[in-house]
N, C-alpha and C. Protein backbone atom coordinates (compact mmCIF):
# COMPACT_ATOMS: atom_id res chain seq x y z
N MET A 1 17.94 6.71 20.69
CA MET A 1 16.68 7.52 20.88
C MET A 1 16.04 7.00 21.65
N ALA A 2 15.54 8.02 23.15
CA ALA A 2 14.78 7.20 23.71
C ALA A 2 13.11 7.45 23.27
N ARG A 3 11.94 6.57 23.55
CA ARG A 3 10.87 6.28 23.01
C ARG A 3 10.21 7.04 24.10
N ARG A 4 8.67 7.56 23.30
CA ARG A 4 8.17 8.10 24.40
C ARG A 4 7.17 7.87 24.92
N LEU A 5 7.02 7.80 26.29
CA LEU A 5 6.02 6.94 27.20
C LEU A 5 4.45 7.05 26.82
N ILE A 6 3.42 6.57 26.73
CA ILE A 6 2.38 6.67 26.61
C ILE A 6 1.45 7.34 27.81
N LYS A 7 0.78 8.56 27.61
CA LYS A 7 0.32 9.27 28.40
C LYS A 7 -0.63 8.58 28.92
N ALA A 8 -0.54 8.30 30.51
CA ALA A 8 -1.58 7.72 31.76
C ALA A 8 -0.88 7.70 32.81
N PRO A 9 -2.07 8.03 33.98
CA PRO A 9 -1.48 8.18 35.00
C PRO A 9 -0.82 6.91 35.96
N PRO A 10 0.11 7.06 37.13
CA PRO A 10 0.86 6.05 36.95
C PRO A 10 0.29 5.21 38.35
N THR A 11 -0.92 4.46 37.90
CA THR A 11 -1.46 4.04 39.37
C THR A 11 -1.69 2.01 39.20
N LYS A 12 -2.33 1.48 39.59
CA LYS A 12 -2.38 0.26 39.58
C LYS A 12 -2.94 -0.01 38.51
N ASN A 13 -4.30 0.36 38.65
CA ASN A 13 -5.13 0.10 37.54
C ASN A 13 -4.79 0.71 36.11
N THR A 14 -4.13 1.51 35.59
CA THR A 14 -3.34 2.09 34.78
C THR A 14 -2.15 0.73 34.51
N LEU A 15 -1.61 0.34 35.47
CA LEU A 15 -0.49 -1.07 35.20
C LEU A 15 -1.16 -2.16 34.58
N LEU A 16 -2.38 -2.37 35.37
CA LEU A 16 -3.00 -3.78 34.61
C LEU A 16 -3.73 -3.74 33.49
N ASN A 17 -4.03 -2.46 33.00
CA ASN A 17 -4.78 -1.91 32.03
C ASN A 17 -3.67 -2.33 30.75
N LEU A 18 -2.58 -1.53 31.20
CA LEU A 18 -1.41 -1.49 30.23
C LEU A 18 -1.15 -3.11 29.97
N LYS A 19 -0.86 -3.95 31.38
CA LYS A 19 -0.52 -5.24 30.57
C LYS A 19 -1.36 -6.05 29.96
N LYS A 20 -2.89 -5.88 29.99
CA LYS A 20 -3.40 -6.47 29.50
C LYS A 20 -3.57 -6.01 27.85
N GLN A 21 -3.34 -4.40 27.37
CA GLN A 21 -3.20 -4.41 26.10
C GLN A 21 -2.10 -4.83 25.41
N VAL A 22 -1.00 -4.83 26.44
CA VAL A 22 0.48 -5.50 25.67
C VAL A 22 -0.17 -6.64 25.24
N ARG A 23 -0.68 -7.68 25.98
CA ARG A 23 -1.06 -9.05 25.67
C ARG A 23 -1.87 -9.48 24.29
N PHE A 24 -2.83 -8.28 24.35
CA PHE A 24 -3.69 -8.30 23.05
C PHE A 24 -3.07 -8.03 21.78
N LEU A 25 -1.64 -6.73 22.06
CA LEU A 25 -1.28 -6.42 21.16
C LEU A 25 0.01 -7.38 20.77
N GLU A 26 0.57 -8.31 21.50
CA GLU A 26 1.63 -9.34 21.04
C GLU A 26 0.54 -10.53 20.43
N GLU A 27 -0.23 -10.79 20.24
CA GLU A 27 -1.33 -11.72 20.11
C GLU A 27 -1.32 -11.53 18.45
N GLY A 28 -1.68 -10.07 18.77
CA GLY A 28 -2.12 -9.13 17.19
C GLY A 28 -1.29 -9.21 16.58
N HIS A 29 0.31 -9.33 17.04
CA HIS A 29 1.71 -9.35 16.09
C HIS A 29 1.54 -10.70 15.18
N GLU A 30 1.34 -11.75 16.58
CA GLU A 30 1.62 -13.14 16.19
C GLU A 30 0.54 -13.12 14.82
N LEU A 31 -0.55 -12.90 15.06
CA LEU A 31 -1.52 -13.31 13.89
C LEU A 31 -0.77 -12.26 12.50
N LEU A 32 -0.48 -11.20 12.88
CA LEU A 32 -0.13 -10.64 11.55
C LEU A 32 1.52 -10.90 10.85
N GLU A 33 2.22 -11.42 11.84
CA GLU A 33 3.43 -12.18 11.56
C GLU A 33 3.21 -13.48 10.72
N ARG A 34 2.09 -14.06 11.12
CA ARG A 34 1.57 -15.48 10.37
C ARG A 34 1.20 -15.03 8.89
N LYS A 35 0.39 -13.97 8.49
CA LYS A 35 -0.22 -13.50 7.72
C LYS A 35 0.89 -13.09 6.97
N ARG A 36 1.48 -12.40 7.16
CA ARG A 36 3.01 -11.67 6.52
C ARG A 36 3.88 -13.02 6.13
N GLU A 37 3.69 -14.12 6.81
CA GLU A 37 4.53 -15.42 6.20
C GLU A 37 3.93 -15.97 5.04
N LEU A 38 2.76 -16.37 5.07
CA LEU A 38 1.83 -16.63 4.23
C LEU A 38 1.47 -15.79 3.16
N LEU A 39 1.29 -14.66 3.15
CA LEU A 39 1.06 -14.17 1.81
C LEU A 39 2.79 -13.88 1.28
N THR A 40 3.71 -13.65 2.08
CA THR A 40 5.02 -13.74 1.46
C THR A 40 5.33 -15.35 0.28
N ARG A 41 4.91 -16.07 1.23
CA ARG A 41 4.81 -17.49 0.73
C ARG A 41 3.79 -17.64 -0.66
N LEU A 42 2.67 -17.28 -0.91
CA LEU A 42 1.92 -16.92 -1.80
C LEU A 42 2.31 -15.79 -3.15
N VAL A 43 2.99 -15.06 -2.63
CA VAL A 43 3.67 -14.04 -3.68
C VAL A 43 4.96 -14.94 -4.56
N TYR A 44 5.28 -15.53 -3.54
CA TYR A 44 6.93 -16.16 -4.19
C TYR A 44 6.08 -17.08 -5.13
N GLU A 45 5.45 -17.94 -4.84
CA GLU A 45 4.74 -18.84 -5.61
C GLU A 45 4.07 -18.64 -6.55
N ARG A 46 3.33 -17.16 -6.84
CA ARG A 46 2.75 -16.46 -7.41
C ARG A 46 3.71 -15.53 -8.73
N ILE A 47 4.50 -15.11 -8.45
CA ILE A 47 5.66 -14.79 -9.12
C ILE A 47 6.28 -16.15 -10.29
N GLY A 48 6.59 -17.43 -9.22
CA GLY A 48 7.00 -18.47 -10.51
C GLY A 48 5.84 -18.78 -11.57
N GLU A 49 4.71 -18.93 -10.78
CA GLU A 49 3.42 -18.71 -12.30
C GLU A 49 3.14 -18.08 -13.24
N TYR A 50 3.68 -16.37 -12.62
CA TYR A 50 3.46 -15.32 -13.59
C TYR A 50 4.74 -15.67 -14.60
N ARG A 51 5.75 -15.45 -13.93
CA ARG A 51 6.96 -15.89 -15.30
C ARG A 51 6.85 -17.01 -16.17
N LYS A 52 6.19 -18.37 -15.69
CA LYS A 52 5.79 -19.28 -16.57
C LYS A 52 4.78 -18.78 -17.48
N LEU A 53 4.12 -18.11 -17.06
CA LEU A 53 3.03 -17.95 -17.71
C LEU A 53 3.19 -16.92 -18.80
N ARG A 54 3.78 -15.60 -18.32
CA ARG A 54 3.97 -14.80 -19.02
C ARG A 54 4.97 -15.41 -20.37
N GLU A 55 5.75 -16.31 -19.97
CA GLU A 55 6.78 -16.70 -21.37
C GLU A 55 5.91 -17.16 -22.23
N GLU A 56 5.01 -18.19 -21.68
CA GLU A 56 4.22 -18.66 -22.67
C GLU A 56 2.76 -18.05 -23.21
N THR A 57 2.63 -17.16 -23.15
CA THR A 57 1.90 -16.09 -23.51
C THR A 57 2.73 -15.59 -24.89
N SER A 58 4.08 -15.17 -24.17
CA SER A 58 5.04 -14.24 -25.27
C SER A 58 5.08 -15.34 -26.64
N ALA A 59 5.43 -16.43 -26.15
CA ALA A 59 5.91 -17.28 -27.11
C ALA A 59 4.18 -17.71 -27.98
N ALA A 60 2.73 -17.52 -27.18
CA ALA A 60 1.91 -17.54 -28.06
C ALA A 60 1.43 -16.27 -29.02
N ILE A 61 1.89 -15.41 -28.69
CA ILE A 61 1.47 -14.10 -29.31
C ILE A 61 2.45 -14.22 -30.78
N GLN A 62 3.63 -14.09 -30.54
CA GLN A 62 4.69 -14.47 -31.63
C GLN A 62 4.35 -15.31 -32.80
N GLU A 63 3.96 -16.62 -32.13
CA GLU A 63 3.39 -17.49 -33.18
C GLU A 63 2.05 -16.89 -33.81
N ALA A 64 0.89 -16.47 -33.06
CA ALA A 64 -0.20 -15.82 -34.03
C ALA A 64 0.19 -14.77 -34.65
N TYR A 65 1.08 -13.79 -34.65
CA TYR A 65 1.35 -12.78 -35.30
C TYR A 65 2.14 -13.44 -36.60
N ARG A 66 3.05 -14.39 -36.58
CA ARG A 66 4.05 -15.36 -37.37
C ARG A 66 2.65 -15.70 -38.88
N TRP A 67 1.53 -16.33 -38.14
CA TRP A 67 0.76 -16.83 -38.85
C TRP A 67 -0.27 -15.81 -39.26
N LEU A 68 -0.50 -14.44 -38.82
CA LEU A 68 -1.13 -13.19 -39.49
C LEU A 68 -0.59 -12.84 -40.64
N SER A 69 0.92 -12.76 -40.22
CA SER A 69 1.73 -12.51 -41.43
C SER A 69 1.94 -12.98 -42.35
N VAL A 70 1.49 -14.54 -42.02
CA VAL A 70 1.68 -15.63 -43.54
C VAL A 70 0.46 -15.41 -44.62
N ALA A 71 -0.81 -15.20 -43.47
CA ALA A 71 -2.20 -14.70 -43.99
C ALA A 71 -1.95 -13.72 -44.73
N GLN A 72 -1.47 -12.50 -44.43
CA GLN A 72 -1.83 -11.12 -44.94
C GLN A 72 -0.86 -11.57 -46.37
N MET A 73 0.08 -11.90 -46.43
CA MET A 73 1.01 -12.22 -47.56
C MET A 73 0.26 -13.17 -48.72
N ARG A 74 -0.51 -14.11 -47.96
CA ARG A 74 -1.26 -15.05 -49.01
C ARG A 74 -2.69 -14.46 -49.77
N MET A 75 -2.99 -14.00 -48.92
CA MET A 75 -4.42 -13.25 -48.64
C MET A 75 -4.57 -11.58 -49.49
N GLY A 76 -3.43 -10.62 -48.82
CA GLY A 76 -3.50 -9.64 -48.79
C GLY A 76 -4.15 -9.01 -47.88
N SER A 77 -4.30 -7.77 -47.65
CA SER A 77 -4.73 -7.17 -46.44
C SER A 77 -6.15 -6.87 -46.31
N ARG A 78 -6.66 -6.25 -48.15
CA ARG A 78 -8.06 -5.98 -48.20
C ARG A 78 -9.04 -7.29 -47.78
N ALA A 79 -8.52 -8.75 -48.77
CA ALA A 79 -9.05 -10.05 -48.29
C ALA A 79 -9.09 -10.09 -46.69
N LEU A 80 -8.27 -9.98 -46.74
CA LEU A 80 -8.03 -10.26 -44.33
C LEU A 80 -8.86 -9.55 -43.94
N HIS A 81 -8.84 -8.51 -44.46
CA HIS A 81 -9.97 -7.42 -43.17
C HIS A 81 -11.57 -7.97 -43.52
N GLN A 82 -11.68 -8.17 -45.09
CA GLN A 82 -13.11 -8.79 -45.17
C GLN A 82 -13.29 -9.85 -44.71
N ALA A 83 -12.55 -10.92 -44.62
CA ALA A 83 -12.69 -12.19 -44.31
C ALA A 83 -13.01 -12.04 -42.58
N ALA A 84 -11.95 -11.34 -41.99
CA ALA A 84 -12.34 -11.06 -40.56
C ALA A 84 -13.42 -10.38 -40.04
N LEU A 85 -14.05 -9.44 -40.53
CA LEU A 85 -15.46 -8.52 -40.68
C LEU A 85 -16.31 -10.14 -40.04
N GLY A 86 -16.42 -11.11 -41.13
CA GLY A 86 -17.32 -12.30 -41.08
C GLY A 86 -17.51 -12.89 -39.89
N THR A 87 -16.39 -13.16 -39.40
CA THR A 87 -16.11 -13.81 -38.22
C THR A 87 -16.62 -13.76 -36.89
N LYS A 88 -17.28 -15.03 -36.05
CA LYS A 88 -17.73 -14.08 -35.13
C LYS A 88 -16.49 -14.88 -33.97
N PRO A 89 -17.18 -14.32 -32.53
CA PRO A 89 -16.00 -14.34 -31.24
C PRO A 89 -15.43 -15.87 -31.17
N THR A 90 -14.12 -16.07 -30.85
CA THR A 90 -13.69 -17.58 -30.76
C THR A 90 -12.99 -17.56 -29.39
N ILE A 91 -13.03 -16.75 -28.34
CA ILE A 91 -13.16 -16.82 -27.16
C ILE A 91 -14.55 -16.29 -26.03
N LYS A 92 -14.48 -16.90 -25.07
CA LYS A 92 -15.55 -16.32 -24.09
C LYS A 92 -14.89 -16.49 -22.64
N VAL A 93 -15.02 -14.91 -21.71
CA VAL A 93 -14.26 -15.00 -20.69
C VAL A 93 -15.36 -14.48 -19.62
N ASP A 94 -15.13 -14.61 -18.68
CA ASP A 94 -16.18 -14.75 -17.12
C ASP A 94 -15.33 -14.03 -16.05
N ILE A 95 -15.46 -12.78 -15.87
CA ILE A 95 -14.67 -12.27 -14.92
C ILE A 95 -15.73 -12.47 -13.30
N ILE A 96 -15.05 -13.09 -12.38
CA ILE A 96 -15.97 -13.22 -11.22
C ILE A 96 -14.86 -12.66 -9.95
N PRO A 97 -15.21 -12.42 -9.23
CA PRO A 97 -14.20 -12.01 -7.81
C PRO A 97 -13.58 -13.56 -7.22
N ARG A 98 -12.73 -13.07 -6.64
CA ARG A 98 -12.04 -14.35 -6.08
C ARG A 98 -10.91 -13.73 -4.74
N ARG A 99 -11.27 -14.29 -3.56
CA ARG A 99 -10.50 -13.79 -2.29
C ARG A 99 -9.33 -14.82 -2.12
N SER A 100 -8.10 -14.30 -1.25
CA SER A 100 -7.30 -15.24 -1.21
C SER A 100 -6.45 -14.48 0.03
N LEU A 101 -6.54 -14.87 1.08
CA LEU A 101 -5.93 -14.28 2.44
C LEU A 101 -6.48 -12.87 2.76
N GLY A 102 -7.66 -12.65 2.33
CA GLY A 102 -8.44 -11.33 2.70
C GLY A 102 -8.15 -10.42 1.51
N VAL A 103 -7.29 -10.92 0.29
CA VAL A 103 -7.27 -10.00 -0.86
C VAL A 103 -8.12 -10.47 -1.67
N GLU A 104 -8.81 -9.25 -2.45
CA GLU A 104 -9.66 -9.98 -3.48
C GLU A 104 -9.25 -9.51 -4.91
N TYR A 105 -9.37 -10.00 -5.80
CA TYR A 105 -9.05 -9.33 -7.06
C TYR A 105 -9.97 -10.42 -8.30
N PRO A 106 -10.33 -9.90 -9.23
CA PRO A 106 -10.84 -10.21 -10.31
C PRO A 106 -10.39 -11.95 -10.92
N ALA A 107 -11.01 -13.06 -11.27
CA ALA A 107 -10.47 -14.07 -12.08
C ALA A 107 -11.23 -14.05 -13.11
N MET A 108 -10.42 -14.43 -13.92
CA MET A 108 -10.97 -14.41 -15.32
C MET A 108 -10.84 -16.16 -15.94
N ARG A 109 -12.44 -16.20 -15.97
CA ARG A 109 -12.64 -17.75 -16.70
C ARG A 109 -12.60 -17.84 -18.09
N SER A 110 -11.68 -18.01 -18.94
CA SER A 110 -11.56 -17.80 -20.47
C SER A 110 -11.38 -19.01 -20.86
N GLU A 111 -12.31 -19.42 -22.19
CA GLU A 111 -12.01 -20.71 -22.73
C GLU A 111 -12.37 -20.19 -24.11
N SER A 112 -12.01 -21.60 -25.00
CA SER A 112 -11.64 -21.16 -26.55
C SER A 112 -12.90 -21.75 -27.23
N LEU A 113 -14.11 -20.76 -27.97
CA LEU A 113 -15.02 -21.71 -28.99
C LEU A 113 -14.40 -22.20 -29.97
N PRO A 114 -15.26 -23.12 -30.41
CA PRO A 114 -15.05 -23.87 -31.70
C PRO A 114 -14.94 -22.37 -32.66
N LEU A 115 -14.41 -22.91 -33.74
CA LEU A 115 -14.21 -22.10 -34.91
C LEU A 115 -14.95 -22.14 -35.81
N GLU A 116 -15.97 -21.32 -36.40
CA GLU A 116 -17.20 -21.73 -37.23
C GLU A 116 -16.26 -21.47 -38.53
N PRO A 117 -16.63 -22.09 -39.49
CA PRO A 117 -16.29 -21.94 -41.07
C PRO A 117 -16.46 -20.55 -41.77
N VAL A 118 -15.49 -20.51 -42.52
CA VAL A 118 -15.94 -18.96 -43.24
C VAL A 118 -15.84 -19.54 -44.56
N GLY A 119 -16.35 -18.44 -45.61
CA GLY A 119 -16.45 -18.82 -47.09
C GLY A 119 -15.10 -19.56 -47.35
N LEU A 120 -15.14 -19.93 -48.59
CA LEU A 120 -14.03 -20.44 -49.13
C LEU A 120 -13.29 -19.51 -49.97
N LEU A 121 -14.06 -18.44 -50.62
CA LEU A 121 -13.98 -17.85 -51.63
C LEU A 121 -12.78 -16.61 -51.21
N GLY A 122 -11.65 -16.26 -51.68
CA GLY A 122 -10.65 -15.90 -51.10
C GLY A 122 -9.53 -15.59 -49.84
N THR A 123 -10.17 -16.84 -49.25
CA THR A 123 -9.59 -17.09 -48.21
C THR A 123 -8.56 -18.09 -48.17
N ASP A 124 -7.65 -18.65 -47.19
CA ASP A 124 -6.22 -19.36 -46.94
C ASP A 124 -6.54 -20.38 -46.28
N SER A 125 -6.18 -21.45 -45.74
CA SER A 125 -5.66 -22.48 -45.18
C SER A 125 -4.89 -21.07 -43.75
N SER A 126 -4.01 -20.45 -43.73
CA SER A 126 -3.29 -19.92 -43.35
C SER A 126 -4.30 -18.70 -42.35
N PHE A 127 -5.33 -18.39 -42.97
CA PHE A 127 -6.46 -17.86 -42.11
C PHE A 127 -7.02 -18.31 -40.88
N ASP A 128 -7.35 -19.80 -41.27
CA ASP A 128 -7.73 -20.51 -40.03
C ASP A 128 -6.54 -20.66 -38.92
N GLU A 129 -5.44 -20.80 -39.43
CA GLU A 129 -4.27 -21.02 -38.54
C GLU A 129 -4.39 -20.22 -37.80
N THR A 130 -3.80 -18.49 -38.11
CA THR A 130 -4.31 -17.22 -37.86
C THR A 130 -5.24 -17.42 -36.54
N ARG A 131 -6.80 -17.51 -37.01
CA ARG A 131 -7.60 -17.63 -35.80
C ARG A 131 -7.15 -18.06 -34.84
N ARG A 132 -6.81 -19.69 -34.86
CA ARG A 132 -6.50 -20.27 -34.06
C ARG A 132 -5.36 -20.05 -32.78
N THR A 133 -4.28 -19.73 -33.49
CA THR A 133 -3.28 -19.10 -32.69
C THR A 133 -3.94 -17.95 -31.88
N LEU A 134 -4.43 -17.03 -32.67
CA LEU A 134 -4.83 -15.57 -32.15
C LEU A 134 -5.65 -15.57 -30.79
N THR A 135 -6.78 -17.04 -30.82
CA THR A 135 -7.75 -17.32 -30.15
C THR A 135 -6.75 -17.95 -28.66
N ARG A 136 -5.85 -18.66 -28.88
CA ARG A 136 -5.00 -19.01 -28.07
C ARG A 136 -4.46 -18.13 -27.23
N ALA A 137 -3.62 -17.05 -27.96
CA ALA A 137 -2.88 -16.05 -27.21
C ALA A 137 -3.98 -15.21 -26.66
N SER A 138 -5.10 -15.22 -26.82
CA SER A 138 -6.15 -14.40 -26.28
C SER A 138 -6.74 -14.98 -24.72
N VAL A 139 -6.80 -16.49 -24.81
CA VAL A 139 -6.74 -17.01 -23.57
C VAL A 139 -5.81 -16.65 -22.37
N LEU A 140 -4.58 -16.96 -23.29
CA LEU A 140 -3.54 -16.91 -22.40
C LEU A 140 -3.32 -15.50 -21.82
N LEU A 141 -3.59 -14.15 -22.59
CA LEU A 141 -3.70 -12.84 -22.22
C LEU A 141 -4.50 -12.71 -21.04
N ALA A 142 -6.01 -13.65 -21.03
CA ALA A 142 -6.87 -13.30 -20.10
C ALA A 142 -6.38 -13.59 -18.71
N ARG A 143 -5.36 -15.20 -18.68
CA ARG A 143 -4.91 -15.62 -17.64
C ARG A 143 -3.71 -14.89 -17.13
N LEU A 144 -3.05 -14.28 -18.14
CA LEU A 144 -1.84 -13.42 -17.67
C LEU A 144 -2.64 -12.16 -16.99
N GLY A 145 -3.38 -11.81 -17.09
CA GLY A 145 -3.87 -10.18 -16.74
C GLY A 145 -4.28 -10.68 -15.24
N GLU A 146 -5.19 -11.55 -15.30
CA GLU A 146 -5.59 -12.07 -13.88
C GLU A 146 -4.23 -12.59 -12.84
N ALA A 147 -3.65 -12.59 -13.41
CA ALA A 147 -1.80 -13.64 -12.55
C ALA A 147 -1.29 -12.07 -12.23
N GLU A 148 -1.32 -11.07 -13.16
CA GLU A 148 -0.55 -10.17 -12.80
C GLU A 148 -1.52 -9.31 -11.40
N MET A 149 -2.42 -9.05 -11.90
CA MET A 149 -3.52 -8.33 -10.99
C MET A 149 -3.23 -8.85 -9.65
N ALA A 150 -3.40 -10.34 -9.71
CA ALA A 150 -3.46 -10.88 -8.32
C ALA A 150 -2.15 -11.07 -7.86
N LEU A 151 -1.17 -10.97 -8.57
CA LEU A 151 0.04 -10.76 -7.68
C LEU A 151 0.50 -9.08 -7.12
N GLY A 152 -0.07 -8.31 -8.22
CA GLY A 152 0.15 -6.87 -7.60
C GLY A 152 -0.78 -6.71 -6.53
N ARG A 153 -1.89 -7.26 -6.15
CA ARG A 153 -2.71 -6.63 -5.00
C ARG A 153 -2.12 -7.54 -3.79
N LEU A 154 -1.51 -8.90 -4.00
CA LEU A 154 -1.34 -9.54 -3.14
C LEU A 154 0.39 -8.88 -2.30
N LEU A 155 0.84 -8.54 -3.15
CA LEU A 155 2.13 -7.78 -3.02
C LEU A 155 1.94 -6.57 -2.06
N ALA A 156 1.03 -5.77 -2.40
CA ALA A 156 0.83 -4.40 -1.92
C ALA A 156 0.08 -5.16 -0.28
N GLU A 157 -0.65 -6.00 -0.55
CA GLU A 157 -1.32 -6.36 0.50
C GLU A 157 0.19 -6.88 1.98
N GLN A 158 0.97 -7.46 1.26
CA GLN A 158 2.21 -8.26 2.28
C GLN A 158 3.27 -6.96 2.40
N ARG A 159 3.15 -6.23 1.58
CA ARG A 159 3.92 -4.68 2.29
C ARG A 159 3.05 -4.30 3.43
N LYS A 160 1.68 -4.19 3.14
CA LYS A 160 1.08 -3.51 4.46
C LYS A 160 1.21 -4.16 5.56
N ALA A 161 1.08 -5.70 5.29
CA ALA A 161 1.23 -6.54 6.37
C ALA A 161 2.54 -6.57 7.28
N GLN A 162 3.68 -6.15 6.57
CA GLN A 162 5.30 -5.78 6.82
C GLN A 162 5.17 -4.77 7.70
N LYS A 163 4.83 -3.54 7.03
CA LYS A 163 4.88 -2.48 8.05
C LYS A 163 3.88 -2.44 9.36
N ARG A 164 2.78 -3.09 9.15
CA ARG A 164 1.96 -3.28 10.44
C ARG A 164 3.13 -4.00 11.48
N VAL A 165 3.48 -4.55 11.19
CA VAL A 165 4.08 -6.07 11.68
C VAL A 165 5.65 -5.12 12.57
N ASN A 166 6.48 -4.28 11.68
CA ASN A 166 7.18 -3.61 12.09
C ASN A 166 6.43 -2.46 13.19
N ALA A 167 5.39 -2.01 12.90
CA ALA A 167 5.55 -0.98 14.10
C ALA A 167 4.90 -1.55 15.05
N LEU A 168 4.18 -2.56 15.22
CA LEU A 168 4.05 -3.16 16.03
C LEU A 168 5.06 -3.69 17.25
N LYS A 169 6.35 -4.20 16.24
CA LYS A 169 7.22 -4.79 17.24
C LYS A 169 8.78 -3.87 17.35
N TYR A 170 8.67 -2.90 16.68
CA TYR A 170 9.90 -2.04 16.84
C TYR A 170 9.19 -0.21 17.40
N ASN A 171 8.01 -0.46 17.48
CA ASN A 171 7.35 1.04 17.92
C ASN A 171 6.39 1.00 19.13
N ILE A 172 5.08 0.63 18.88
CA ILE A 172 3.90 0.27 19.90
C ILE A 172 4.46 -0.57 21.13
N ILE A 173 4.25 -1.58 20.97
CA ILE A 173 4.55 -2.46 21.80
C ILE A 173 5.59 -2.09 22.54
N PRO A 174 6.90 -1.99 21.90
CA PRO A 174 8.39 -1.35 23.15
C PRO A 174 7.42 -0.43 23.99
N ARG A 175 6.83 1.04 23.36
CA ARG A 175 6.40 1.72 24.12
C ARG A 175 5.80 1.43 25.55
N TYR A 176 4.75 0.27 25.03
CA TYR A 176 3.42 0.21 26.43
C TYR A 176 4.89 -0.40 27.18
N ARG A 177 5.77 -1.50 26.50
CA ARG A 177 6.49 -1.90 27.81
C ARG A 177 7.24 -1.13 28.61
N ASP A 178 7.78 0.12 27.78
CA ASP A 178 8.58 1.27 28.48
C ASP A 178 7.73 1.91 29.33
N THR A 179 6.50 1.97 29.28
CA THR A 179 5.57 2.64 30.09
C THR A 179 5.18 1.72 31.47
N ILE A 180 5.10 0.88 31.16
CA ILE A 180 5.01 -0.72 32.52
C ILE A 180 6.34 -0.63 33.30
N ARG A 181 7.12 -0.42 32.62
CA ARG A 181 8.67 -0.49 33.33
C ARG A 181 8.19 0.93 34.09
N TYR A 182 8.41 1.89 33.37
CA TYR A 182 8.18 3.66 33.92
C TYR A 182 7.28 3.54 35.41
N ILE A 183 5.95 2.41 34.94
CA ILE A 183 4.87 2.87 36.19
C ILE A 183 5.17 2.11 36.96
N ARG A 184 5.73 0.44 36.66
CA ARG A 184 5.94 -0.36 38.11
C ARG A 184 6.93 0.62 38.48
N SER A 185 8.03 1.05 38.65
CA SER A 185 9.42 1.75 39.28
C SER A 185 9.23 2.64 40.03
N VAL A 186 7.83 3.50 39.44
CA VAL A 186 6.95 4.89 40.05
C VAL A 186 6.25 3.91 41.36
N LEU A 187 5.73 3.27 41.32
CA LEU A 187 4.85 2.23 42.15
C LEU A 187 5.58 1.86 43.01
N GLU A 188 7.22 0.87 42.80
CA GLU A 188 7.85 0.84 43.47
C GLU A 188 8.64 1.66 44.52
N GLU A 189 8.83 2.55 44.03
CA GLU A 189 9.24 4.06 44.56
C GLU A 189 8.26 4.50 45.74
N GLU A 190 7.15 4.53 45.28
CA GLU A 190 5.85 4.90 46.14
C GLU A 190 6.03 4.29 47.55
N GLU A 191 5.96 2.70 47.01
CA GLU A 191 5.43 1.47 48.15
C GLU A 191 6.75 2.03 48.78
N ARG A 192 8.12 2.24 48.61
CA ARG A 192 9.19 2.25 49.60
C ARG A 192 9.03 3.40 50.27
N ASN A 193 8.66 4.66 50.11
CA ASN A 193 8.67 5.42 50.75
C ASN A 193 7.55 5.64 51.54
N THR A 194 6.61 4.77 51.29
CA THR A 194 5.29 4.61 52.32
C THR A 194 5.92 3.45 53.74
N LEU A 195 6.88 2.63 52.87
CA LEU A 195 7.17 1.84 54.19
C LEU A 195 8.15 2.58 55.20
N PHE A 196 9.44 3.61 54.52
CA PHE A 196 9.95 4.37 55.10
C PHE A 196 9.51 5.12 56.27
N GLN A 197 8.01 5.88 55.81
CA GLN A 197 7.49 6.33 56.41
C GLN A 197 6.86 5.79 57.83
N MET A 198 6.38 4.46 57.45
CA MET A 198 5.90 3.54 58.39
C MET A 198 6.70 3.68 59.73
N LYS A 199 7.55 3.16 58.96
CA LYS A 199 9.23 2.56 59.81
C LYS A 199 9.22 3.98 60.76
N VAL A 200 9.40 5.10 60.12
CA VAL A 200 9.74 6.31 60.90
C VAL A 200 8.66 6.45 61.99
N LEU A 201 7.49 6.34 61.53
CA LEU A 201 6.59 6.81 62.73
C LEU A 201 6.40 5.77 63.84
N ARG A 202 6.61 4.40 63.34
CA ARG A 202 6.89 3.39 64.07
C ARG A 202 8.23 3.82 65.53
N GLU A 203 8.79 4.24 65.22
CA GLU A 203 10.20 4.60 65.59
C GLU A 203 10.04 5.63 66.96
N ARG A 204 9.09 6.76 66.41
CA ARG A 204 8.78 7.82 66.85
C ARG A 204 7.73 7.17 67.73
N SER A 205 7.01 6.51 67.60
CA SER A 205 5.74 6.18 68.32
C SER A 205 6.21 5.14 69.51
N SER A 206 7.25 4.37 69.48
CA SER A 206 8.07 3.65 70.47
C SER A 206 8.91 4.09 71.32
N ALA A 207 9.72 5.37 70.50
CA ALA A 207 10.35 6.46 71.61
C ALA A 207 10.16 6.57 72.76
């Protein structure tokens, strides 16, 4: 299927302008291609980190729920609920913007806070283990949330860059080149006609 030519008058000025535009588009294509390659590399790195972090988080959550079950069996649901009401937060999370290759996503800085002691009456050592393991799982979940959001936005930007690269490579730049070839052929044909007419005029004038 033939590509549509760019609507432009077949003149020398048009030819020069189109050549400049093609050079500009080719430079843009090279930059976008480089960005796409960097994004692809970064996405693959992030996928590996994300999978490792997801496995670590899943294991931490299972461990936390195991200790929660133990605490519930030893203390009972009512005592466990009352003990939990008196505890203070054990995790601190700060959300700050981060940028990578022009892609912005929220970065989460999470850290564990020291476990404050609770009353001994009606509590069990399993309650402290539950708090400790739930805190660790929460820290990992915050990191996992950041990794998931960053990966999603990097993937979206990588797909966008790929579409732009393909559009330039297979559609826009070829259209400009086809138009340049067409205008060049028109100008060459006009030049041949002009030379032919000049030759005919010289022959008539010399006859």
